[in-house]
Amino acid sequence: MIRMRGIRKVYSMGRVEVDALRGVDLDIAANEYVAVVGPSGSGKSTLMNIVGCLDTPTSGEYVLSGETVAGLDRNRLAEIRNRRVGFVFQNFNLLPYATALENVELPLLFAGVPTAERRARAEEMLRRVDLADRMDHKPTELSGGQMQRVAIARALVNTPAIVLADEPTGNLDSASGQAIVSLFAELHAAGQTIVMITHDQAVARLASRFVQIRDGLVVEDRPAAA
């Protein structure tokens, strides 16, 4: 599903160039659950942004579901982000004045899905994450764990090939975080491909594969249980 060879990302900061990624090789197959760990500044968020087509590499080859990403125009990249990738962020990124249902509908709205189908799919996804009784609630009326469940439902509503989660338990209390981790395990068991950035070693151990990034390079790649 994901094939990266020699991925480099260089940021220019005035006269200084910063190597965020320095030649990453990485393959991720369908239905893998991969935890990406590393210290602050290691390059893991840059890697996530490239995987999700939010950013492009300076050099190297990235193939996503058989399609070479380099050279794609903005419209095609936007289509890939909307249809192939689901994003779950630490800060939820929900629209504050929209209901849970309206937030989950957003990717379908951008994809041009008709209203009735859009609503039915969003309702089904909220039921799947156990929020059937919170569909009409706005984010300010939800707990942190519930907001993250809305964000996960939104990420899944377009049936993406891959879900990218950036510290999805980082802003949650331990009980809510454990519930979200359990939900990701259920999604993986149902066939979903998941790539999760986390600093929490306990969370990382629940994935099926552990990838450690340091100084812009993959320094460890092994089964998480090893």
N, C-alpha and C. Protein backbone atom coordinates (compact mmCIF):
# COMPACT_ATOMS: atom_id res chain seq x y z
N MET A 1 0.81 -1.20 0.00
CA MET A 1 0.00 0.00 0.00
C MET A 1 0.86 1.26 0.00
N ILE A 2 1.88 1.29 0.88
CA ILE A 2 2.81 2.42 0.94
C ILE A 2 4.21 1.90 0.64
N ARG A 3 4.88 2.59 -0.28
CA ARG A 3 6.26 2.24 -0.61
C ARG A 3 7.07 3.51 -0.70
N MET A 4 8.06 3.65 0.18
CA MET A 4 8.93 4.82 0.20
C MET A 4 10.37 4.38 0.01
N ARG A 5 11.06 5.10 -0.85
CA ARG A 5 12.47 4.82 -1.10
C ARG A 5 13.27 6.12 -1.13
N GLY A 6 14.22 6.21 -0.21
CA GLY A 6 15.13 7.36 -0.20
C GLY A 6 14.44 8.70 0.03
N ILE A 7 13.41 8.71 0.89
CA ILE A 7 12.64 9.94 1.09
C ILE A 7 13.46 10.95 1.91
N ARG A 8 13.66 12.11 1.32
CA ARG A 8 14.33 13.23 1.99
C ARG A 8 13.39 14.42 2.01
N LYS A 9 13.45 15.16 3.11
CA LYS A 9 12.71 16.42 3.21
C LYS A 9 13.63 17.46 3.83
N VAL A 10 13.87 18.53 3.05
CA VAL A 10 14.76 19.61 3.49
C VAL A 10 13.95 20.89 3.58
N TYR A 11 14.00 21.53 4.73
CA TYR A 11 13.35 22.82 4.93
C TYR A 11 14.40 23.92 4.92
N SER A 12 14.14 24.98 4.17
CA SER A 12 15.03 26.14 4.15
C SER A 12 14.55 27.15 5.16
N MET A 13 15.42 27.49 6.09
CA MET A 13 15.11 28.48 7.12
C MET A 13 16.12 29.61 7.01
N GLY A 14 15.77 30.57 6.10
CA GLY A 14 16.74 31.61 5.79
C GLY A 14 17.90 31.02 5.03
N ARG A 15 19.09 31.19 5.56
CA ARG A 15 20.29 30.65 4.92
C ARG A 15 20.61 29.24 5.40
N VAL A 16 19.80 28.75 6.31
CA VAL A 16 20.06 27.43 6.90
C VAL A 16 19.09 26.41 6.32
N GLU A 17 19.62 25.24 5.96
CA GLU A 17 18.78 24.14 5.51
C GLU A 17 18.73 23.06 6.60
N VAL A 18 17.51 22.61 6.88
CA VAL A 18 17.30 21.60 7.92
C VAL A 18 16.82 20.31 7.27
N ASP A 19 17.54 19.23 7.52
CA ASP A 19 17.16 17.92 6.99
C ASP A 19 16.20 17.25 7.97
N ALA A 20 14.90 17.30 7.66
CA ALA A 20 13.91 16.68 8.53
C ALA A 20 13.88 15.17 8.32
N LEU A 21 14.01 14.73 7.06
CA LEU A 21 14.13 13.31 6.73
C LEU A 21 15.36 13.15 5.85
N ARG A 22 16.14 12.10 6.10
CA ARG A 22 17.45 12.00 5.47
C ARG A 22 17.64 10.71 4.68
N GLY A 23 16.54 10.22 4.11
CA GLY A 23 16.64 9.01 3.29
C GLY A 23 15.88 7.85 3.89
N VAL A 24 14.58 7.99 4.00
CA VAL A 24 13.74 6.99 4.65
C VAL A 24 13.25 5.95 3.63
N ASP A 25 13.45 4.69 3.96
CA ASP A 25 12.87 3.57 3.22
C ASP A 25 11.82 2.94 4.12
N LEU A 26 10.60 2.79 3.61
CA LEU A 26 9.53 2.25 4.44
C LEU A 26 8.46 1.63 3.56
N ASP A 27 8.05 0.42 3.89
CA ASP A 27 6.93 -0.25 3.24
C ASP A 27 5.87 -0.55 4.29
N ILE A 28 4.62 -0.27 3.96
CA ILE A 28 3.50 -0.60 4.84
C ILE A 28 2.45 -1.29 3.99
N ALA A 29 2.08 -2.50 4.40
CA ALA A 29 1.10 -3.28 3.66
C ALA A 29 -0.31 -2.99 4.17
N ALA A 30 -1.28 -3.42 3.38
CA ALA A 30 -2.68 -3.29 3.79
C ALA A 30 -2.92 -4.05 5.08
N ASN A 31 -3.75 -3.49 5.96
CA ASN A 31 -4.16 -4.07 7.23
C ASN A 31 -3.01 -4.19 8.23
N GLU A 32 -1.98 -3.39 8.08
CA GLU A 32 -0.97 -3.29 9.13
C GLU A 32 -1.38 -2.22 10.13
N TYR A 33 -0.92 -2.38 11.36
CA TYR A 33 -1.13 -1.39 12.42
C TYR A 33 0.27 -1.01 12.89
N VAL A 34 0.72 0.17 12.46
CA VAL A 34 2.10 0.59 12.66
C VAL A 34 2.16 1.76 13.63
N ALA A 35 2.95 1.64 14.67
CA ALA A 35 3.23 2.74 15.59
C ALA A 35 4.55 3.37 15.20
N VAL A 36 4.55 4.69 14.99
CA VAL A 36 5.76 5.43 14.65
C VAL A 36 6.13 6.26 15.87
N VAL A 37 7.31 6.01 16.41
CA VAL A 37 7.74 6.69 17.63
C VAL A 37 9.07 7.39 17.37
N GLY A 38 9.37 8.34 18.26
CA GLY A 38 10.62 9.07 18.14
C GLY A 38 10.55 10.33 18.96
N PRO A 39 11.70 10.88 19.35
CA PRO A 39 11.71 12.11 20.14
C PRO A 39 11.25 13.31 19.33
N SER A 40 10.97 14.40 20.01
CA SER A 40 10.60 15.64 19.34
C SER A 40 11.71 16.05 18.37
N GLY A 41 11.31 16.42 17.15
CA GLY A 41 12.29 16.83 16.15
C GLY A 41 12.92 15.69 15.39
N SER A 42 12.44 14.46 15.61
CA SER A 42 13.05 13.29 14.96
C SER A 42 12.65 13.16 13.49
N GLY A 43 11.53 13.79 13.10
CA GLY A 43 11.06 13.68 11.72
C GLY A 43 9.78 12.88 11.56
N LYS A 44 9.23 12.39 12.68
CA LYS A 44 8.06 11.52 12.57
C LYS A 44 6.82 12.27 12.06
N SER A 45 6.63 13.52 12.48
CA SER A 45 5.48 14.29 11.98
C SER A 45 5.66 14.65 10.51
N THR A 46 6.89 14.94 10.11
CA THR A 46 7.17 15.20 8.69
C THR A 46 6.85 13.96 7.87
N LEU A 47 7.26 12.81 8.37
CA LEU A 47 6.95 11.55 7.68
C LEU A 47 5.45 11.36 7.55
N MET A 48 4.72 11.62 8.63
CA MET A 48 3.26 11.49 8.61
C MET A 48 2.64 12.42 7.56
N ASN A 49 3.13 13.65 7.51
CA ASN A 49 2.59 14.61 6.55
C ASN A 49 2.83 14.17 5.11
N ILE A 50 3.97 13.55 4.85
CA ILE A 50 4.26 13.07 3.50
C ILE A 50 3.40 11.86 3.18
N VAL A 51 3.26 10.93 4.13
CA VAL A 51 2.40 9.76 3.91
C VAL A 51 0.98 10.21 3.57
N GLY A 52 0.49 11.24 4.27
CA GLY A 52 -0.87 11.73 4.06
C GLY A 52 -1.02 12.73 2.94
N CYS A 53 0.05 12.99 2.19
CA CYS A 53 0.03 13.93 1.07
C CYS A 53 -0.31 15.35 1.50
N LEU A 54 0.00 15.68 2.77
CA LEU A 54 -0.09 17.05 3.23
C LEU A 54 1.18 17.82 2.89
N ASP A 55 2.25 17.09 2.59
CA ASP A 55 3.53 17.67 2.20
C ASP A 55 4.16 16.75 1.17
N THR A 56 5.13 17.26 0.46
CA THR A 56 5.81 16.46 -0.57
C THR A 56 7.30 16.36 -0.23
N PRO A 57 7.93 15.24 -0.57
CA PRO A 57 9.35 15.09 -0.27
C PRO A 57 10.22 15.94 -1.18
N THR A 58 11.38 16.30 -0.69
CA THR A 58 12.36 17.01 -1.51
C THR A 58 12.93 16.09 -2.58
N SER A 59 13.14 14.83 -2.21
CA SER A 59 13.60 13.83 -3.16
C SER A 59 13.20 12.45 -2.66
N GLY A 60 13.33 11.47 -3.53
CA GLY A 60 12.93 10.11 -3.20
C GLY A 60 11.63 9.75 -3.89
N GLU A 61 11.25 8.48 -3.75
CA GLU A 61 10.05 7.96 -4.40
C GLU A 61 9.01 7.54 -3.37
N TYR A 62 7.78 8.00 -3.58
CA TYR A 62 6.67 7.61 -2.72
C TYR A 62 5.54 7.10 -3.61
N VAL A 63 5.16 5.83 -3.39
CA VAL A 63 4.07 5.21 -4.14
C VAL A 63 2.97 4.85 -3.14
N LEU A 64 1.76 5.36 -3.37
CA LEU A 64 0.62 5.11 -2.49
C LEU A 64 -0.45 4.37 -3.29
N SER A 65 -0.74 3.16 -2.87
CA SER A 65 -1.76 2.33 -3.54
C SER A 65 -1.49 2.25 -5.04
N GLY A 66 -0.23 2.08 -5.41
CA GLY A 66 0.14 1.91 -6.80
C GLY A 66 0.33 3.19 -7.58
N GLU A 67 0.12 4.35 -6.96
CA GLU A 67 0.23 5.63 -7.67
C GLU A 67 1.43 6.41 -7.15
N THR A 68 2.32 6.81 -8.06
CA THR A 68 3.49 7.61 -7.69
C THR A 68 3.04 9.03 -7.38
N VAL A 69 3.34 9.49 -6.17
CA VAL A 69 2.81 10.77 -5.69
C VAL A 69 3.55 11.96 -6.29
N ALA A 70 4.85 11.82 -6.54
CA ALA A 70 5.63 12.93 -7.08
C ALA A 70 5.03 13.42 -8.39
N GLY A 71 4.92 14.73 -8.50
CA GLY A 71 4.44 15.32 -9.75
C GLY A 71 2.93 15.47 -9.84
N LEU A 72 2.18 14.94 -8.86
CA LEU A 72 0.73 15.10 -8.91
C LEU A 72 0.36 16.56 -8.62
N ASP A 73 -0.68 17.05 -9.29
CA ASP A 73 -1.08 18.44 -9.07
C ASP A 73 -1.89 18.56 -7.79
N ARG A 74 -2.19 19.79 -7.40
CA ARG A 74 -2.85 20.06 -6.12
C ARG A 74 -4.23 19.41 -6.05
N ASN A 75 -4.94 19.43 -7.17
CA ASN A 75 -6.29 18.85 -7.17
C ASN A 75 -6.25 17.34 -6.92
N ARG A 76 -5.29 16.67 -7.55
CA ARG A 76 -5.17 15.23 -7.36
C ARG A 76 -4.73 14.90 -5.94
N LEU A 77 -3.80 15.68 -5.40
CA LEU A 77 -3.38 15.46 -4.02
C LEU A 77 -4.54 15.66 -3.04
N ALA A 78 -5.36 16.68 -3.30
CA ALA A 78 -6.53 16.92 -2.45
C ALA A 78 -7.51 15.76 -2.54
N GLU A 79 -7.67 15.20 -3.74
CA GLU A 79 -8.56 14.05 -3.91
C GLU A 79 -8.05 12.84 -3.15
N ILE A 80 -6.73 12.61 -3.20
CA ILE A 80 -6.14 11.50 -2.46
C ILE A 80 -6.37 11.68 -0.96
N ARG A 81 -6.14 12.91 -0.46
CA ARG A 81 -6.33 13.17 0.97
C ARG A 81 -7.78 12.92 1.38
N ASN A 82 -8.71 13.26 0.53
CA ASN A 82 -10.12 13.14 0.89
C ASN A 82 -10.63 11.71 0.77
N ARG A 83 -10.13 10.95 -0.20
CA ARG A 83 -10.70 9.65 -0.50
C ARG A 83 -9.86 8.47 0.00
N ARG A 84 -8.55 8.62 0.06
CA ARG A 84 -7.70 7.49 0.41
C ARG A 84 -7.15 7.53 1.83
N VAL A 85 -7.15 8.72 2.43
CA VAL A 85 -6.51 8.88 3.73
C VAL A 85 -7.49 9.50 4.71
N GLY A 86 -7.57 8.91 5.91
CA GLY A 86 -8.34 9.51 7.00
C GLY A 86 -7.39 10.01 8.06
N PHE A 87 -7.61 11.24 8.52
CA PHE A 87 -6.70 11.87 9.48
C PHE A 87 -7.37 11.98 10.85
N VAL A 88 -6.63 11.61 11.90
CA VAL A 88 -7.07 11.80 13.27
C VAL A 88 -5.98 12.57 14.00
N PHE A 89 -6.34 13.74 14.54
CA PHE A 89 -5.34 14.62 15.14
C PHE A 89 -5.49 14.69 16.66
N GLN A 90 -4.39 15.05 17.32
CA GLN A 90 -4.38 15.16 18.77
C GLN A 90 -5.40 16.18 19.26
N ASN A 91 -5.55 17.28 18.53
CA ASN A 91 -6.45 18.36 18.95
C ASN A 91 -7.83 18.26 18.31
N PHE A 92 -8.15 17.11 17.75
CA PHE A 92 -9.47 16.76 17.22
C PHE A 92 -9.80 17.49 15.91
N ASN A 93 -9.53 18.82 15.84
CA ASN A 93 -9.80 19.61 14.63
C ASN A 93 -11.26 19.52 14.18
N LEU A 94 -12.17 19.62 15.14
CA LEU A 94 -13.59 19.63 14.82
C LEU A 94 -14.07 21.06 14.66
N LEU A 95 -15.09 21.26 13.83
CA LEU A 95 -15.71 22.57 13.70
C LEU A 95 -16.53 22.84 14.96
N PRO A 96 -16.24 23.90 15.70
CA PRO A 96 -16.87 24.08 17.02
C PRO A 96 -18.36 24.35 16.98
N TYR A 97 -18.87 24.92 15.90
CA TYR A 97 -20.29 25.28 15.85
C TYR A 97 -21.12 24.27 15.07
N ALA A 98 -20.49 23.17 14.65
CA ALA A 98 -21.21 22.11 13.94
C ALA A 98 -21.45 20.94 14.89
N THR A 99 -22.52 20.22 14.65
CA THR A 99 -22.81 19.04 15.47
C THR A 99 -21.84 17.91 15.12
N ALA A 100 -21.87 16.89 15.96
CA ALA A 100 -21.05 15.71 15.67
C ALA A 100 -21.39 15.15 14.30
N LEU A 101 -22.66 15.06 14.00
CA LEU A 101 -23.09 14.54 12.70
C LEU A 101 -22.57 15.40 11.56
N GLU A 102 -22.68 16.71 11.70
CA GLU A 102 -22.21 17.61 10.64
C GLU A 102 -20.71 17.53 10.46
N ASN A 103 -19.97 17.37 11.56
CA ASN A 103 -18.52 17.22 11.45
C ASN A 103 -18.15 15.95 10.69
N VAL A 104 -18.85 14.87 10.96
CA VAL A 104 -18.55 13.61 10.28
C VAL A 104 -18.95 13.67 8.81
N GLU A 105 -19.95 14.44 8.49
CA GLU A 105 -20.40 14.58 7.11
C GLU A 105 -19.41 15.33 6.21
N LEU A 106 -18.52 16.12 6.80
CA LEU A 106 -17.69 17.03 6.01
C LEU A 106 -16.94 16.37 4.85
N PRO A 107 -16.20 15.28 5.07
CA PRO A 107 -15.49 14.67 3.94
C PRO A 107 -16.42 14.25 2.80
N LEU A 108 -17.62 13.81 3.16
CA LEU A 108 -18.60 13.41 2.16
C LEU A 108 -19.14 14.62 1.40
N LEU A 109 -19.28 15.73 2.12
CA LEU A 109 -19.70 16.97 1.47
C LEU A 109 -18.69 17.39 0.42
N PHE A 110 -17.41 17.36 0.79
CA PHE A 110 -16.34 17.73 -0.14
C PHE A 110 -16.27 16.77 -1.32
N ALA A 111 -16.68 15.52 -1.09
CA ALA A 111 -16.65 14.51 -2.16
C ALA A 111 -17.89 14.57 -3.05
N GLY A 112 -18.84 15.45 -2.72
CA GLY A 112 -20.03 15.60 -3.55
C GLY A 112 -21.07 14.52 -3.35
N VAL A 113 -21.07 13.85 -2.20
CA VAL A 113 -22.05 12.79 -1.92
C VAL A 113 -23.42 13.44 -1.66
N PRO A 114 -24.48 12.93 -2.26
CA PRO A 114 -25.82 13.51 -2.06
C PRO A 114 -26.22 13.53 -0.58
N THR A 115 -27.09 14.48 -0.23
CA THR A 115 -27.43 14.74 1.16
C THR A 115 -27.93 13.52 1.92
N ALA A 116 -28.88 12.80 1.36
CA ALA A 116 -29.46 11.66 2.07
C ALA A 116 -28.42 10.58 2.33
N GLU A 117 -27.61 10.27 1.33
CA GLU A 117 -26.56 9.25 1.50
C GLU A 117 -25.51 9.74 2.48
N ARG A 118 -25.18 11.02 2.39
CA ARG A 118 -24.18 11.60 3.28
C ARG A 118 -24.62 11.46 4.74
N ARG A 119 -25.85 11.80 5.00
CA ARG A 119 -26.34 11.72 6.38
C ARG A 119 -26.39 10.27 6.87
N ALA A 120 -26.85 9.38 6.02
CA ALA A 120 -26.97 7.98 6.42
C ALA A 120 -25.59 7.39 6.75
N ARG A 121 -24.60 7.70 5.93
CA ARG A 121 -23.25 7.17 6.16
C ARG A 121 -22.64 7.76 7.43
N ALA A 122 -22.86 9.06 7.66
CA ALA A 122 -22.32 9.69 8.87
C ALA A 122 -22.98 9.13 10.12
N GLU A 123 -24.30 8.93 10.06
CA GLU A 123 -25.01 8.35 11.21
C GLU A 123 -24.49 6.95 11.51
N GLU A 124 -24.29 6.15 10.48
CA GLU A 124 -23.80 4.79 10.68
C GLU A 124 -22.41 4.79 11.30
N MET A 125 -21.56 5.73 10.86
CA MET A 125 -20.21 5.77 11.41
C MET A 125 -20.22 6.21 12.86
N LEU A 126 -21.09 7.13 13.22
CA LEU A 126 -21.19 7.53 14.63
C LEU A 126 -21.72 6.40 15.49
N ARG A 127 -22.63 5.61 14.96
CA ARG A 127 -23.09 4.43 15.69
C ARG A 127 -21.93 3.46 15.88
N ARG A 128 -21.09 3.34 14.88
CA ARG A 128 -19.96 2.40 14.94
C ARG A 128 -18.99 2.77 16.05
N VAL A 129 -18.84 4.08 16.34
CA VAL A 129 -17.94 4.50 17.41
C VAL A 129 -18.71 4.77 18.71
N ASP A 130 -19.93 4.23 18.78
CA ASP A 130 -20.74 4.28 20.01
C ASP A 130 -21.14 5.69 20.40
N LEU A 131 -21.53 6.49 19.41
CA LEU A 131 -21.99 7.86 19.68
C LEU A 131 -23.38 8.10 19.08
N ALA A 132 -24.19 7.07 19.02
CA ALA A 132 -25.53 7.23 18.45
C ALA A 132 -26.36 8.26 19.21
N ASP A 133 -26.08 8.41 20.51
CA ASP A 133 -26.87 9.34 21.32
C ASP A 133 -26.23 10.73 21.42
N ARG A 134 -25.19 10.97 20.63
CA ARG A 134 -24.50 12.28 20.69
C ARG A 134 -24.43 12.95 19.32
N MET A 135 -25.19 12.49 18.36
CA MET A 135 -25.09 13.00 16.99
C MET A 135 -25.39 14.49 16.89
N ASP A 136 -26.31 14.99 17.70
CA ASP A 136 -26.72 16.39 17.60
C ASP A 136 -25.99 17.29 18.58
N HIS A 137 -24.99 16.76 19.25
CA HIS A 137 -24.22 17.55 20.21
C HIS A 137 -23.04 18.22 19.51
N LYS A 138 -22.75 19.45 19.93
CA LYS A 138 -21.58 20.18 19.42
C LYS A 138 -20.36 19.81 20.25
N PRO A 139 -19.14 20.07 19.73
CA PRO A 139 -17.94 19.68 20.46
C PRO A 139 -17.89 20.18 21.91
N THR A 140 -18.41 21.39 22.16
CA THR A 140 -18.38 21.91 23.53
C THR A 140 -19.27 21.12 24.47
N GLU A 141 -20.14 20.29 23.92
CA GLU A 141 -21.04 19.48 24.72
C GLU A 141 -20.56 18.04 24.86
N LEU A 142 -19.34 17.78 24.39
CA LEU A 142 -18.79 16.43 24.40
C LEU A 142 -17.54 16.38 25.26
N SER A 143 -17.24 15.22 25.81
CA SER A 143 -15.98 15.01 26.52
C SER A 143 -14.84 14.88 25.51
N GLY A 144 -13.61 14.91 26.02
CA GLY A 144 -12.46 14.75 25.13
C GLY A 144 -12.49 13.43 24.39
N GLY A 145 -12.82 12.36 25.11
CA GLY A 145 -12.89 11.05 24.46
C GLY A 145 -13.97 10.99 23.40
N GLN A 146 -15.09 11.63 23.67
CA GLN A 146 -16.17 11.66 22.69
C GLN A 146 -15.78 12.48 21.46
N MET A 147 -15.09 13.59 21.68
CA MET A 147 -14.63 14.39 20.53
C MET A 147 -13.66 13.59 19.67
N GLN A 148 -12.79 12.81 20.32
CA GLN A 148 -11.86 12.01 19.53
C GLN A 148 -12.59 10.92 18.76
N ARG A 149 -13.65 10.39 19.32
CA ARG A 149 -14.46 9.40 18.60
C ARG A 149 -15.15 10.04 17.39
N VAL A 150 -15.60 11.28 17.54
CA VAL A 150 -16.16 11.99 16.38
C VAL A 150 -15.09 12.15 15.30
N ALA A 151 -13.88 12.52 15.73
CA ALA A 151 -12.78 12.69 14.77
C ALA A 151 -12.45 11.37 14.06
N ILE A 152 -12.51 10.26 14.78
CA ILE A 152 -12.25 8.95 14.17
C ILE A 152 -13.37 8.60 13.20
N ALA A 153 -14.61 8.88 13.58
CA ALA A 153 -15.73 8.62 12.67
C ALA A 153 -15.58 9.44 11.39
N ARG A 154 -15.17 10.68 11.53
CA ARG A 154 -14.95 11.54 10.35
C ARG A 154 -13.83 10.97 9.48
N ALA A 155 -12.78 10.45 10.11
CA ALA A 155 -11.66 9.89 9.35
C ALA A 155 -12.07 8.66 8.57
N LEU A 156 -13.05 7.91 9.10
CA LEU A 156 -13.43 6.63 8.50
C LEU A 156 -14.59 6.73 7.52
N VAL A 157 -15.31 7.85 7.52
CA VAL A 157 -16.59 7.89 6.80
C VAL A 157 -16.43 7.73 5.29
N ASN A 158 -15.28 8.08 4.75
CA ASN A 158 -15.04 7.92 3.32
C ASN A 158 -14.38 6.59 2.99
N THR A 159 -14.40 5.65 3.94
CA THR A 159 -13.75 4.34 3.79
C THR A 159 -12.35 4.47 3.20
N PRO A 160 -11.45 5.20 3.89
CA PRO A 160 -10.10 5.41 3.36
C PRO A 160 -9.28 4.13 3.38
N ALA A 161 -8.28 4.09 2.52
CA ALA A 161 -7.37 2.94 2.52
C ALA A 161 -6.52 2.91 3.78
N ILE A 162 -6.21 4.09 4.32
CA ILE A 162 -5.31 4.18 5.46
C ILE A 162 -5.79 5.27 6.40
N VAL A 163 -5.65 5.02 7.70
CA VAL A 163 -5.94 6.02 8.72
C VAL A 163 -4.61 6.45 9.35
N LEU A 164 -4.36 7.76 9.36
CA LEU A 164 -3.18 8.33 9.99
C LEU A 164 -3.61 9.02 11.27
N ALA A 165 -3.03 8.61 12.39
CA ALA A 165 -3.40 9.18 13.69
C ALA A 165 -2.16 9.80 14.33
N ASP A 166 -2.25 11.09 14.61
CA ASP A 166 -1.13 11.84 15.19
C ASP A 166 -1.40 12.10 16.66
N GLU A 167 -0.77 11.32 17.54
CA GLU A 167 -0.95 11.42 18.99
C GLU A 167 -2.43 11.47 19.37
N PRO A 168 -3.22 10.49 18.96
CA PRO A 168 -4.67 10.57 19.17
C PRO A 168 -5.10 10.48 20.63
N THR A 169 -4.21 10.04 21.51
CA THR A 169 -4.55 9.97 22.93
C THR A 169 -3.86 11.07 23.73
N GLY A 170 -3.13 11.95 23.07
CA GLY A 170 -2.29 12.92 23.77
C GLY A 170 -3.02 13.90 24.64
N ASN A 171 -4.25 14.26 24.28
CA ASN A 171 -5.01 15.25 25.06
C ASN A 171 -6.13 14.61 25.88
N LEU A 172 -6.03 13.31 26.12
CA LEU A 172 -7.10 12.60 26.82
C LEU A 172 -6.63 12.09 28.17
N ASP A 173 -7.57 11.96 29.10
CA ASP A 173 -7.23 11.31 30.36
C ASP A 173 -7.00 9.82 30.11
N SER A 174 -6.49 9.13 31.11
CA SER A 174 -6.06 7.74 30.88
C SER A 174 -7.22 6.83 30.48
N ALA A 175 -8.39 7.03 31.10
CA ALA A 175 -9.53 6.17 30.77
C ALA A 175 -10.00 6.42 29.35
N SER A 176 -10.11 7.69 28.95
CA SER A 176 -10.53 8.01 27.59
C SER A 176 -9.50 7.54 26.58
N GLY A 177 -8.21 7.71 26.93
CA GLY A 177 -7.15 7.25 26.04
C GLY A 177 -7.19 5.76 25.81
N GLN A 178 -7.45 5.01 26.88
CA GLN A 178 -7.54 3.55 26.75
C GLN A 178 -8.71 3.15 25.87
N ALA A 179 -9.83 3.89 25.99
CA ALA A 179 -11.00 3.59 25.15
C ALA A 179 -10.69 3.83 23.68
N ILE A 180 -9.94 4.90 23.39
CA ILE A 180 -9.58 5.19 22.00
C ILE A 180 -8.62 4.14 21.47
N VAL A 181 -7.65 3.73 22.28
CA VAL A 181 -6.72 2.68 21.89
C VAL A 181 -7.48 1.38 21.58
N SER A 182 -8.46 1.07 22.40
CA SER A 182 -9.27 -0.13 22.16
C SER A 182 -10.04 -0.03 20.86
N LEU A 183 -10.53 1.17 20.56
CA LEU A 183 -11.26 1.38 19.31
C LEU A 183 -10.35 1.17 18.11
N PHE A 184 -9.12 1.68 18.18
CA PHE A 184 -8.18 1.45 17.07
C PHE A 184 -7.89 -0.04 16.90
N ALA A 185 -7.78 -0.77 18.00
CA ALA A 185 -7.56 -2.21 17.92
C ALA A 185 -8.73 -2.89 17.22
N GLU A 186 -9.95 -2.46 17.53
CA GLU A 186 -11.13 -3.02 16.87
C GLU A 186 -11.12 -2.72 15.37
N LEU A 187 -10.75 -1.49 15.02
CA LEU A 187 -10.71 -1.10 13.61
C LEU A 187 -9.67 -1.93 12.86
N HIS A 188 -8.51 -2.15 13.48
CA HIS A 188 -7.47 -2.96 12.85
C HIS A 188 -7.95 -4.39 12.67
N ALA A 189 -8.61 -4.93 13.69
CA ALA A 189 -9.12 -6.30 13.60
C ALA A 189 -10.16 -6.44 12.49
N ALA A 190 -10.86 -5.34 12.19
CA ALA A 190 -11.86 -5.35 11.12
C ALA A 190 -11.27 -5.12 9.74
N GLY A 191 -9.92 -4.91 9.67
CA GLY A 191 -9.27 -4.80 8.37
C GLY A 191 -8.70 -3.44 8.03
N GLN A 192 -8.78 -2.47 8.94
CA GLN A 192 -8.31 -1.12 8.65
C GLN A 192 -6.79 -1.03 8.77
N THR A 193 -6.16 -0.32 7.84
CA THR A 193 -4.73 -0.02 7.92
C THR A 193 -4.55 1.24 8.75
N ILE A 194 -3.68 1.18 9.76
CA ILE A 194 -3.51 2.31 10.69
C ILE A 194 -2.03 2.61 10.85
N VAL A 195 -1.69 3.89 10.73
CA VAL A 195 -0.35 4.37 11.07
C VAL A 195 -0.53 5.43 12.15
N MET A 196 0.05 5.18 13.32
CA MET A 196 -0.15 6.06 14.46
C MET A 196 1.17 6.61 14.97
N ILE A 197 1.27 7.93 15.08
CA ILE A 197 2.38 8.56 15.78
C ILE A 197 2.03 8.63 17.25
N THR A 198 2.94 8.19 18.09
CA THR A 198 2.70 8.27 19.53
C THR A 198 4.03 8.34 20.27
N HIS A 199 4.01 9.08 21.39
CA HIS A 199 5.17 9.10 22.28
C HIS A 199 5.00 8.10 23.42
N ASP A 200 3.81 7.52 23.50
CA ASP A 200 3.45 6.62 24.60
C ASP A 200 3.85 5.19 24.25
N GLN A 201 4.84 4.67 24.94
CA GLN A 201 5.32 3.33 24.64
C GLN A 201 4.25 2.27 24.89
N ALA A 202 3.39 2.50 25.87
CA ALA A 202 2.32 1.54 26.15
C ALA A 202 1.35 1.47 24.98
N VAL A 203 1.05 2.62 24.39
CA VAL A 203 0.18 2.66 23.21
C VAL A 203 0.87 1.99 22.03
N ALA A 204 2.16 2.29 21.84
CA ALA A 204 2.91 1.73 20.72
C ALA A 204 2.95 0.21 20.77
N ARG A 205 3.03 -0.35 21.96
CA ARG A 205 3.12 -1.81 22.08
C ARG A 205 1.84 -2.52 21.64
N LEU A 206 0.74 -1.78 21.56
CA LEU A 206 -0.52 -2.40 21.15
C LEU A 206 -0.65 -2.48 19.63
N ALA A 207 0.23 -1.81 18.91
CA ALA A 207 0.26 -1.93 17.46
C ALA A 207 0.91 -3.27 17.09
N SER A 208 0.83 -3.62 15.82
CA SER A 208 1.46 -4.88 15.38
C SER A 208 2.90 -4.67 14.92
N ARG A 209 3.27 -3.40 14.71
CA ARG A 209 4.61 -3.10 14.21
C ARG A 209 5.10 -1.80 14.82
N PHE A 210 6.37 -1.73 15.11
CA PHE A 210 7.00 -0.61 15.81
C PHE A 210 8.09 -0.04 14.90
N VAL A 211 7.95 1.25 14.54
CA VAL A 211 8.94 1.93 13.71
C VAL A 211 9.46 3.14 14.48
N GLN A 212 10.76 3.17 14.73
CA GLN A 212 11.36 4.28 15.46
C GLN A 212 12.13 5.18 14.52
N ILE A 213 11.87 6.49 14.64
CA ILE A 213 12.54 7.51 13.83
C ILE A 213 13.47 8.30 14.74
N ARG A 214 14.69 8.53 14.26
CA ARG A 214 15.62 9.39 14.99
C ARG A 214 16.49 10.13 13.99
N ASP A 215 16.58 11.44 14.16
CA ASP A 215 17.42 12.28 13.29
C ASP A 215 17.09 12.07 11.81
N GLY A 216 15.81 11.91 11.52
CA GLY A 216 15.37 11.84 10.13
C GLY A 216 15.57 10.49 9.47
N LEU A 217 15.88 9.46 10.25
CA LEU A 217 16.11 8.12 9.70
C LEU A 217 15.32 7.08 10.48
N VAL A 218 14.95 6.00 9.82
CA VAL A 218 14.36 4.85 10.52
C VAL A 218 15.51 4.07 11.17
N VAL A 219 15.50 4.00 12.49
CA VAL A 219 16.59 3.32 13.20
C VAL A 219 16.16 1.97 13.75
N GLU A 220 14.85 1.73 13.75
CA GLU A 220 14.34 0.44 14.22
C GLU A 220 13.00 0.17 13.56
N ASP A 221 12.81 -1.07 13.12
CA ASP A 221 11.55 -1.48 12.47
C ASP A 221 11.37 -2.96 12.78
N ARG A 222 10.39 -3.25 13.63
CA ARG A 222 10.22 -4.64 14.11
C ARG A 222 8.77 -4.87 14.52
N PRO A 223 8.39 -6.12 14.69
CA PRO A 223 7.08 -6.40 15.28
C PRO A 223 6.99 -5.78 16.68
N ALA A 224 5.85 -5.19 17.01
CA ALA A 224 5.74 -4.45 18.26
C ALA A 224 5.90 -5.34 19.48
N ALA A 225 5.55 -6.60 19.34
CA ALA A 225 5.59 -7.51 20.48
C ALA A 225 7.01 -8.02 20.77
N ALA A 226 7.94 -7.75 19.83
CA ALA A 226 9.30 -8.29 19.99
C ALA A 226 10.06 -7.57 21.09
